[in-house]
Amino acid sequence: MASRTVSADFYVRFQRVKDEIVAALLTDAAATAAAPKLARLKAELGSVLAHLPPYDQRTYDAQLQELERRVAAARPAGRKFAFKKSAAQPMPASLPVAPSSPAPTTPVPTSEIGSTAAPSSDYTISSRFSAKLTTSALAPRGTFTLTLSSLSGCVVDLRPDGGLTALHAQDVVNTAIVGPKVGGSVMLSGLRRCVVVIGAQQFRMHACHDCAVLLDVASIPVIEASTCIQIGAHPSGSEGSKHALVQDFDWVQPGRSPHWSLLHPDEVERLHAALDRGDLASLRM
């Protein structure tokens, strides 16, 4: 039986390193910076593969193959010359053969030499009770990941922050989390009686109970070891959002899992109205 704890922990590590690799591919030394991270990530996957469910194994393998393709494409290609065969032309003996000239080199602009993108940073907000929390005290620069841990009765407003590439929340109770459209993954673990408003490329909940989520997600969202999860559309969600296509890893029978449901339209409207008013405290369940 696949270990849920190992699966959840590895998901967080995988998404974090994947985000770092994608960020590294934006630098001038893309392949040099990304290749070692990719090698370590492949080794980590190999060490936990036996503990992962088959769906996760296929998903991670597909993502690694795509990363390998992108890293290979980022490697600088050497110059290649193609010679065409042509019919031999007689050359008069009186004409000397001119030596071949070296191919001209293209100068590299000075501004591009040694330029690199800002590295991604990791931040944590933890052990807070009945507080309103934002990222302003962290003063993040460039891209960053954020972990929320051991929060109770809080209002967490992460807007606006276009630099957030991954959000991980664990052991959070009776709290409202309102975030931006995250550039990478959102992983929620151990949430109870929470309301989450977020956008993401990948979304996953593990061991969460009695939570409502207004979601805009590009891929199929996943829940595991979770109950009483209600999903609704993000107030500014994209037309192609897959928030209503939740996959429950604990439900293998035909039909929809009983562990999640779509939010009632009246409740969606109430939450949207609270967001419009800026009344984030009323989002809490």
Protein backbone atom coordinates (compact mmCIF):
# COMPACT_ATOMS: atom_id res chain seq x y z
CA MET A 1 0.00 0.00 0.00
CA ALA A 2 1.39 3.37 -1.00
CA SER A 3 2.43 5.54 1.94
CA ARG A 4 0.34 8.72 2.00
CA THR A 5 2.88 10.58 4.12
CA VAL A 6 5.75 9.78 1.75
CA SER A 7 3.56 10.69 -1.23
CA ALA A 8 2.57 14.06 0.25
CA ASP A 9 6.08 14.96 1.39
CA PHE A 10 7.60 14.06 -1.97
CA TYR A 11 4.95 16.06 -3.83
CA VAL A 12 6.03 19.20 -1.96
CA ARG A 13 9.74 18.55 -2.64
CA PHE A 14 9.13 17.67 -6.29
CA GLN A 15 7.13 20.82 -7.02
CA ARG A 16 9.66 23.04 -5.24
CA VAL A 17 12.65 21.65 -7.16
CA LYS A 18 10.66 21.66 -10.41
CA ASP A 19 9.94 25.38 -9.91
CA GLU A 20 13.66 25.97 -9.30
CA ILE A 21 14.55 24.13 -12.52
CA VAL A 22 12.02 26.15 -14.53
CA ALA A 23 13.43 29.37 -13.01
CA ALA A 24 16.98 28.24 -13.85
CA LEU A 25 15.97 27.68 -17.48
CA LEU A 26 15.34 31.42 -17.74
CA THR A 27 19.01 32.23 -17.05
CA ASP A 28 21.86 32.49 -19.54
CA ALA A 29 23.53 29.41 -18.05
CA ALA A 30 20.26 27.46 -18.18
CA ALA A 31 21.57 23.94 -18.81
CA THR A 32 24.48 24.31 -16.37
CA ALA A 33 22.21 25.47 -13.56
CA ALA A 34 19.26 23.18 -14.23
CA ALA A 35 20.94 19.86 -15.08
CA PRO A 36 22.30 19.06 -11.57
CA LYS A 37 18.92 19.86 -10.00
CA LEU A 38 17.19 17.61 -12.52
CA ALA A 39 19.63 14.75 -11.82
CA ARG A 40 18.99 15.00 -8.07
CA LEU A 41 15.24 15.12 -8.62
CA LYS A 42 15.37 11.94 -10.74
CA ALA A 43 17.39 10.21 -8.03
CA GLU A 44 14.88 11.27 -5.36
CA LEU A 45 12.00 9.95 -7.43
CA GLY A 46 13.77 6.62 -7.81
CA SER A 47 14.19 6.32 -4.05
CA VAL A 48 10.46 6.82 -3.28
CA LEU A 49 8.94 5.25 -6.40
CA ALA A 50 7.80 2.11 -4.59
CA HIS A 51 5.79 4.23 -2.11
CA LEU A 52 3.86 6.17 -4.77
CA PRO A 53 0.55 5.19 -6.35
CA PRO A 54 0.72 4.26 -10.05
CA TYR A 55 -0.96 7.50 -11.16
CA ASP A 56 1.68 9.59 -9.36
CA GLN A 57 4.48 7.49 -10.83
CA ARG A 58 3.25 8.13 -14.36
CA THR A 59 2.66 11.83 -13.67
CA TYR A 60 6.13 12.42 -12.21
CA ASP A 61 7.76 10.45 -15.03
CA ALA A 62 5.98 12.54 -17.65
CA GLN A 63 7.00 15.78 -15.92
CA LEU A 64 10.64 14.65 -15.70
CA GLN A 65 10.67 13.78 -19.39
CA GLU A 66 9.36 17.24 -20.23
CA LEU A 67 12.01 18.85 -17.99
CA GLU A 68 14.73 16.76 -19.66
CA ARG A 69 13.52 17.92 -23.06
CA ARG A 70 13.62 21.57 -21.97
CA VAL A 71 17.07 21.23 -20.38
CA ALA A 72 18.41 19.53 -23.53
CA ALA A 73 16.94 22.30 -25.68
CA ALA A 74 18.65 24.91 -23.49
CA ARG A 75 22.12 23.46 -24.08
CA PRO A 76 24.08 25.65 -26.50
CA ALA A 77 24.40 23.95 -29.83
CA GLY A 78 27.75 24.00 -31.61
CA ARG A 79 28.04 25.31 -35.13
CA LYS A 80 27.25 22.73 -37.74
CA PHE A 81 28.44 22.97 -41.32
CA ALA A 82 26.83 21.19 -44.20
CA PHE A 83 28.86 20.62 -47.33
CA LYS A 84 27.18 20.20 -50.66
CA LYS A 85 28.73 17.98 -53.27
CA SER A 86 29.17 19.69 -56.55
CA ALA A 87 30.67 18.62 -59.82
CA ALA A 88 34.43 19.10 -59.89
CA GLN A 89 35.41 22.15 -61.88
CA PRO A 90 38.82 22.20 -63.56
CA MET A 91 40.97 25.03 -62.25
CA PRO A 92 43.51 26.71 -64.47
CA ALA A 93 47.03 25.95 -63.34
CA SER A 94 47.96 29.62 -63.51
CA LEU A 95 45.44 30.59 -60.79
CA PRO A 96 46.64 30.12 -57.20
CA VAL A 97 44.28 28.54 -54.65
CA ALA A 98 43.25 31.11 -52.05
CA PRO A 99 43.45 29.98 -48.42
CA SER A 100 40.07 29.59 -46.71
CA SER A 101 39.12 32.40 -44.36
CA PRO A 102 37.87 31.66 -40.85
CA ALA A 103 34.13 32.09 -40.35
CA PRO A 104 33.27 35.46 -38.82
CA THR A 105 32.32 35.36 -35.17
CA THR A 106 29.27 37.10 -33.80
CA PRO A 107 30.10 39.39 -30.87
CA VAL A 108 28.15 38.83 -27.64
CA PRO A 109 26.58 42.02 -26.28
CA THR A 110 28.31 43.10 -23.07
CA SER A 111 24.99 43.39 -21.26
CA GLU A 112 24.33 39.65 -21.73
CA ILE A 113 27.64 38.42 -20.32
CA GLY A 114 27.24 37.02 -16.83
CA SER A 115 23.61 38.14 -16.50
CA THR A 116 21.43 35.79 -14.41
CA ALA A 117 17.86 35.82 -13.16
CA ALA A 118 17.21 36.38 -9.47
CA PRO A 119 17.18 33.06 -7.59
CA SER A 120 13.94 31.82 -6.07
CA SER A 121 13.68 32.23 -2.27
CA ASP A 122 11.75 30.22 0.30
CA TYR A 123 9.73 31.92 3.05
CA THR A 124 7.70 30.56 5.96
CA ILE A 125 4.94 32.07 8.09
CA SER A 126 4.21 29.86 11.09
CA SER A 127 2.75 29.59 14.60
CA ARG A 128 0.30 32.50 14.43
CA PHE A 129 -3.09 32.81 16.10
CA SER A 130 -5.98 35.19 15.27
CA ALA A 131 -3.79 37.40 13.07
CA LYS A 132 -4.08 39.12 9.72
CA LEU A 133 -1.06 38.05 7.69
CA THR A 134 0.44 39.36 4.45
CA THR A 135 3.76 39.00 2.62
CA SER A 136 4.66 42.69 3.14
CA ALA A 137 6.87 41.91 6.17
CA LEU A 138 8.80 39.35 4.13
CA ALA A 139 9.65 41.88 1.40
CA PRO A 140 10.22 39.15 -1.21
CA ARG A 141 12.19 40.01 -4.35
CA GLY A 142 11.79 38.16 -7.60
CA THR A 143 10.23 34.71 -7.50
CA PHE A 144 9.64 32.93 -4.21
CA THR A 145 7.83 30.02 -2.56
CA LEU A 146 5.82 30.35 0.63
CA THR A 147 4.99 27.85 3.38
CA LEU A 148 2.15 28.51 5.85
CA SER A 149 2.38 26.36 8.96
CA SER A 150 0.51 26.01 12.26
CA LEU A 151 -1.98 28.86 11.82
CA SER A 152 -5.31 29.16 13.65
CA GLY A 153 -8.10 31.70 13.29
CA CYS A 154 -6.09 33.81 10.83
CA VAL A 155 -6.79 35.80 7.68
CA VAL A 156 -3.96 35.38 5.15
CA ASP A 157 -3.99 37.85 2.26
CA LEU A 158 -1.27 37.11 -0.28
CA ARG A 159 -2.52 39.52 -2.95
CA PRO A 160 -1.18 40.93 -5.12
CA ASP A 161 2.04 39.03 -5.61
CA GLY A 162 3.01 37.90 -9.09
CA GLY A 163 6.33 36.47 -7.85
CA LEU A 164 4.78 33.59 -5.88
CA THR A 165 5.66 30.35 -7.70
CA ALA A 166 4.48 27.79 -5.12
CA LEU A 167 2.33 27.77 -1.98
CA HIS A 168 2.45 25.04 0.67
CA ALA A 169 0.13 25.13 3.71
CA GLN A 170 0.08 22.60 6.54
CA ASP A 171 -1.68 22.30 9.90
CA VAL A 172 -3.93 25.32 9.36
CA VAL A 173 -7.28 25.63 11.20
CA ASN A 174 -10.27 27.98 10.85
CA THR A 175 -8.36 30.31 8.54
CA ALA A 176 -9.08 32.18 5.31
CA ILE A 177 -6.31 32.11 2.70
CA VAL A 178 -6.68 34.44 -0.28
CA GLY A 179 -3.89 34.27 -2.83
CA PRO A 180 -2.97 35.32 -6.36
CA LYS A 181 -2.73 33.14 -9.44
CA VAL A 182 0.31 31.12 -8.36
CA GLY A 183 2.81 30.41 -11.15
CA GLY A 184 3.34 26.78 -10.07
CA SER A 185 1.81 24.43 -7.52
CA VAL A 186 -0.41 24.72 -4.45
CA MET A 187 -0.19 21.93 -1.86
CA LEU A 188 -2.50 21.99 1.18
CA SER A 189 -2.04 19.44 3.97
CA GLY A 190 -3.83 19.13 7.30
CA LEU A 191 -6.30 22.00 6.80
CA ARG A 192 -9.54 22.05 8.82
CA ARG A 193 -12.48 24.45 8.54
CA CYS A 194 -10.65 26.71 6.10
CA VAL A 195 -11.64 28.76 3.07
CA VAL A 196 -9.04 29.06 0.30
CA VAL A 197 -9.23 31.34 -2.75
CA ILE A 198 -6.35 30.60 -5.14
CA GLY A 199 -5.23 30.04 -8.71
CA ALA A 200 -2.53 27.52 -9.67
CA GLN A 201 -1.04 25.33 -12.36
CA GLN A 202 -1.31 22.26 -10.08
CA PHE A 203 -3.47 21.89 -6.97
CA ARG A 204 -3.47 19.13 -4.34
CA MET A 205 -5.08 18.61 -0.91
CA HIS A 206 -3.93 15.96 1.56
CA ALA A 207 -5.64 15.13 4.87
CA CYS A 208 -7.90 18.17 4.72
CA HIS A 209 -11.42 18.29 6.17
CA ASP A 210 -14.41 20.69 6.10
CA CYS A 211 -12.81 23.15 3.68
CA ALA A 212 -14.15 25.31 0.86
CA VAL A 213 -11.98 26.27 -2.10
CA LEU A 214 -12.61 28.84 -4.83
CA LEU A 215 -10.19 27.56 -7.43
CA ASP A 216 -8.79 28.36 -10.85
CA VAL A 217 -6.51 25.52 -11.94
CA ALA A 218 -4.91 24.54 -15.25
CA SER A 219 -4.67 20.80 -14.49
CA ILE A 220 -6.93 18.28 -12.75
CA PRO A 221 -6.96 19.00 -8.99
CA VAL A 222 -6.25 16.08 -6.64
CA ILE A 223 -7.48 15.31 -3.12
CA GLU A 224 -6.21 12.50 -0.90
CA ALA A 225 -7.27 11.35 2.59
CA SER A 226 -9.65 14.32 2.66
CA THR A 227 -13.37 14.70 3.45
CA CYS A 228 -16.10 17.35 3.19
CA ILE A 229 -14.24 19.38 0.56
CA GLN A 230 -16.34 21.91 -1.36
CA ILE A 231 -15.04 23.35 -4.63
CA GLY A 232 -16.25 26.45 -6.46
CA ALA A 233 -15.13 28.72 -9.27
CA HIS A 234 -12.55 31.41 -8.60
CA PRO A 235 -14.04 34.95 -8.87
CA SER A 236 -11.71 35.75 -11.77
CA GLY A 237 -11.17 32.20 -12.98
CA SER A 238 -10.17 31.36 -16.53
CA GLU A 239 -12.61 29.75 -18.95
CA GLY A 240 -10.56 26.55 -19.12
CA SER A 241 -10.29 26.03 -15.34
CA LYS A 242 -10.52 22.36 -14.32
CA HIS A 243 -11.70 23.04 -10.75
CA ALA A 244 -14.81 20.87 -11.21
CA LEU A 245 -12.83 17.80 -12.35
CA VAL A 246 -11.46 16.77 -8.96
CA GLN A 247 -9.72 13.40 -8.70
CA ASP A 248 -9.89 11.62 -5.34
CA PHE A 249 -7.06 9.11 -4.88
CA ASP A 250 -9.10 7.33 -2.20
CA TRP A 251 -12.12 6.71 -4.43
CA VAL A 252 -11.67 3.98 -7.05
CA GLN A 253 -15.34 3.09 -7.49
CA PRO A 254 -17.51 4.35 -10.37
CA GLY A 255 -19.14 7.74 -9.96
CA ARG A 256 -18.12 10.87 -8.12
CA SER A 257 -16.32 10.60 -4.81
CA PRO A 258 -18.48 11.42 -1.74
CA HIS A 259 -15.49 13.21 -0.20
CA TRP A 260 -15.95 16.38 -2.25
CA SER A 261 -18.76 18.35 -3.86
CA LEU A 262 -19.36 21.55 -5.81
CA LEU A 263 -20.19 24.56 -3.70
CA HIS A 264 -23.83 25.61 -3.76
CA PRO A 265 -24.29 28.66 -6.04
CA ASP A 266 -25.63 30.71 -3.10
CA GLU A 267 -22.46 29.99 -1.10
CA VAL A 268 -20.27 30.85 -4.08
CA GLU A 269 -22.12 34.15 -4.43
CA ARG A 270 -21.68 34.88 -0.70
CA LEU A 271 -17.95 34.26 -0.86
CA HIS A 272 -17.56 36.33 -4.02
CA ALA A 273 -19.48 39.21 -2.38
CA ALA A 274 -17.24 39.05 0.70
CA LEU A 275 -14.17 39.26 -1.53
CA ASP A 276 -15.61 42.23 -3.39
CA ARG A 277 -16.21 44.01 -0.06
CA GLY A 278 -12.73 43.15 1.16
CA ASP A 279 -14.35 41.40 4.13
CA LEU A 280 -11.92 38.52 4.31
CA ALA A 281 -12.71 37.71 7.95
CA SER A 282 -16.23 36.59 6.97
CA LEU A 283 -14.73 33.96 4.64
CA ARG A 284 -13.82 31.73 7.56
CA MET A 285 -16.11 28.75 8.11
